[in-house]
C-alpha atoms as a PDB file:
ATOM      1  CA  UNK A   1      21.048 -41.701 -48.698  1.00  0.00           C
ATOM      2  CA  UNK A   2      21.388 -42.220 -45.610  1.00  0.00           C
ATOM      3  CA  UNK A   3      19.131 -40.134 -43.089  1.00  0.00           C
ATOM      4  CA  UNK A   4      21.308 -39.308 -39.690  1.00  0.00           C
ATOM      5  CA  UNK A   5      20.717 -41.333 -36.725  1.00  0.00           C
ATOM      6  CA  UNK A   6      20.208 -37.408 -34.579  1.00  0.00           C
ATOM      7  CA  UNK A   7      19.058 -33.587 -35.827  1.00  0.00           C
ATOM      8  CA  UNK A   8      22.062 -32.402 -34.820  1.00  0.00           C
ATOM      9  CA  UNK A   9      20.707 -29.318 -32.584  1.00  0.00           C
ATOM     10  CA  UNK A  10      18.847 -31.332 -31.005  1.00  0.00           C
ATOM     11  CA  UNK A  11      19.206 -33.013 -27.894  1.00  0.00           C
ATOM     12  CA  UNK A  12      18.025 -37.184 -27.228  1.00  0.00           C
ATOM     13  CA  UNK A  13      13.553 -37.390 -27.000  1.00  0.00           C
ATOM     14  CA  UNK A  14      13.946 -38.033 -22.791  1.00  0.00           C
ATOM     15  CA  UNK A  15      10.397 -39.936 -22.162  1.00  0.00           C
ATOM     16  CA  UNK A  16      10.459 -38.924 -17.895  1.00  0.00           C
ATOM     17  CA  UNK A  17       9.906 -35.195 -19.113  1.00  0.00           C
ATOM     18  CA  UNK A  18       7.064 -36.742 -22.657  1.00  0.00           C
ATOM     19  CA  UNK A  19       5.391 -38.377 -19.238  1.00  0.00           C
ATOM     20  CA  UNK A  20       5.539 -35.425 -17.407  1.00  0.00           C
ATOM     21  CA  UNK A  21       4.427 -33.039 -19.980  1.00  0.00           C
ATOM     22  CA  UNK A  22       1.704 -35.238 -21.492  1.00  0.00           C
ATOM     23  CA  UNK A  23       0.190 -35.390 -18.140  1.00  0.00           C
ATOM     24  CA  UNK A  24       0.352 -31.854 -16.852  1.00  0.00           C
ATOM     25  CA  UNK A  25      -1.097 -30.802 -20.565  1.00  0.00           C
ATOM     26  CA  UNK A  26      -4.217 -34.077 -19.251  1.00  0.00           C
ATOM     27  CA  UNK A  27      -4.899 -32.514 -16.224  1.00  0.00           C
ATOM     28  CA  UNK A  28      -5.198 -28.446 -17.274  1.00  0.00           C
ATOM     29  CA  UNK A  29      -7.108 -30.373 -20.169  1.00  0.00           C
ATOM     30  CA  UNK A  30     -10.104 -32.092 -17.895  1.00  0.00           C
ATOM     31  CA  UNK A  31      -9.865 -29.472 -15.638  1.00  0.00           C
ATOM     32  CA  UNK A  32      -7.914 -30.863 -12.807  1.00  0.00           C
ATOM     33  CA  UNK A  33      -5.599 -28.171 -12.393  1.00  0.00           C
ATOM     34  CA  UNK A  34      -6.172 -24.354 -13.274  1.00  0.00           C
ATOM     35  CA  UNK A  35      -3.636 -22.826 -15.962  1.00  0.00           C
ATOM     36  CA  UNK A  36      -1.482 -20.571 -13.135  1.00  0.00           C
ATOM     37  CA  UNK A  37      -0.847 -24.001 -11.163  1.00  0.00           C
ATOM     38  CA  UNK A  38       0.230 -25.060 -14.278  1.00  0.00           C
ATOM     39  CA  UNK A  39       2.750 -23.240 -14.605  1.00  0.00           C
ATOM     40  CA  UNK A  40       4.255 -22.543 -11.790  1.00  0.00           C
ATOM     41  CA  UNK A  41       3.886 -27.195 -11.184  1.00  0.00           C
ATOM     42  CA  UNK A  42       6.176 -27.215 -14.068  1.00  0.00           C
ATOM     43  CA  UNK A  43       8.147 -24.447 -12.721  1.00  0.00           C
ATOM     44  CA  UNK A  44       9.673 -26.539  -9.971  1.00  0.00           C
ATOM     45  CA  UNK A  45       9.675 -29.256 -11.887  1.00  0.00           C
ATOM     46  CA  UNK A  46      12.316 -27.267 -13.978  1.00  0.00           C
ATOM     47  CA  UNK A  47      14.504 -26.986 -11.792  1.00  0.00           C
ATOM     48  CA  UNK A  48      14.128 -30.189  -9.680  1.00  0.00           C
ATOM     49  CA  UNK A  49      13.644 -33.216 -12.237  1.00  0.00           C
ATOM     50  CA  UNK A  50      13.984 -35.500  -8.764  1.00  0.00           C
ATOM     51  CA  UNK A  51      10.430 -35.154  -8.589  1.00  0.00           C
ATOM     52  CA  UNK A  52       7.853 -36.060 -11.466  1.00  0.00           C
ATOM     53  CA  UNK A  53       4.639 -33.129 -12.217  1.00  0.00           C
ATOM     54  CA  UNK A  54       2.550 -35.401 -10.618  1.00  0.00           C
ATOM     55  CA  UNK A  55       4.333 -35.665  -7.267  1.00  0.00           C
ATOM     56  CA  UNK A  56       4.111 -31.767  -7.102  1.00  0.00           C
ATOM     57  CA  UNK A  57       1.156 -30.734  -8.450  1.00  0.00           C
ATOM     58  CA  UNK A  58       0.046 -33.092  -5.156  1.00  0.00           C
ATOM     59  CA  UNK A  59       2.513 -31.366  -2.689  1.00  0.00           C
ATOM     60  CA  UNK A  60       1.529 -27.359  -3.951  1.00  0.00           C
ATOM     61  CA  UNK A  61      -2.184 -29.412  -2.831  1.00  0.00           C
ATOM     62  CA  UNK A  62      -3.239 -28.362  -7.186  1.00  0.00           C
ATOM     63  CA  UNK A  63      -4.456 -32.603  -7.125  1.00  0.00           C
ATOM     64  CA  UNK A  64      -5.134 -34.386  -4.804  1.00  0.00           C
ATOM     65  CA  UNK A  65      -3.624 -38.186  -4.650  1.00  0.00           C
ATOM     66  CA  UNK A  66      -6.254 -40.049  -5.307  1.00  0.00           C
ATOM     67  CA  UNK A  67      -6.911 -38.459  -8.371  1.00  0.00           C
ATOM     68  CA  UNK A  68      -3.343 -37.923  -9.766  1.00  0.00           C
END
């Protein structure tokens, strides 16, 4: 019996979303951003995924372009 290639009801993995979430978690862990800054940026990113989370954090002045 072969396992199904996809779990029913689960969306396929999105590498761009994975990258953005990893970036956000690392920025928080390294204390580059506060929890509130990350939540605000993630909210903006969820509404408009044409920008990366990093770009949004820079636009919101949560991190510098250099730190990104």
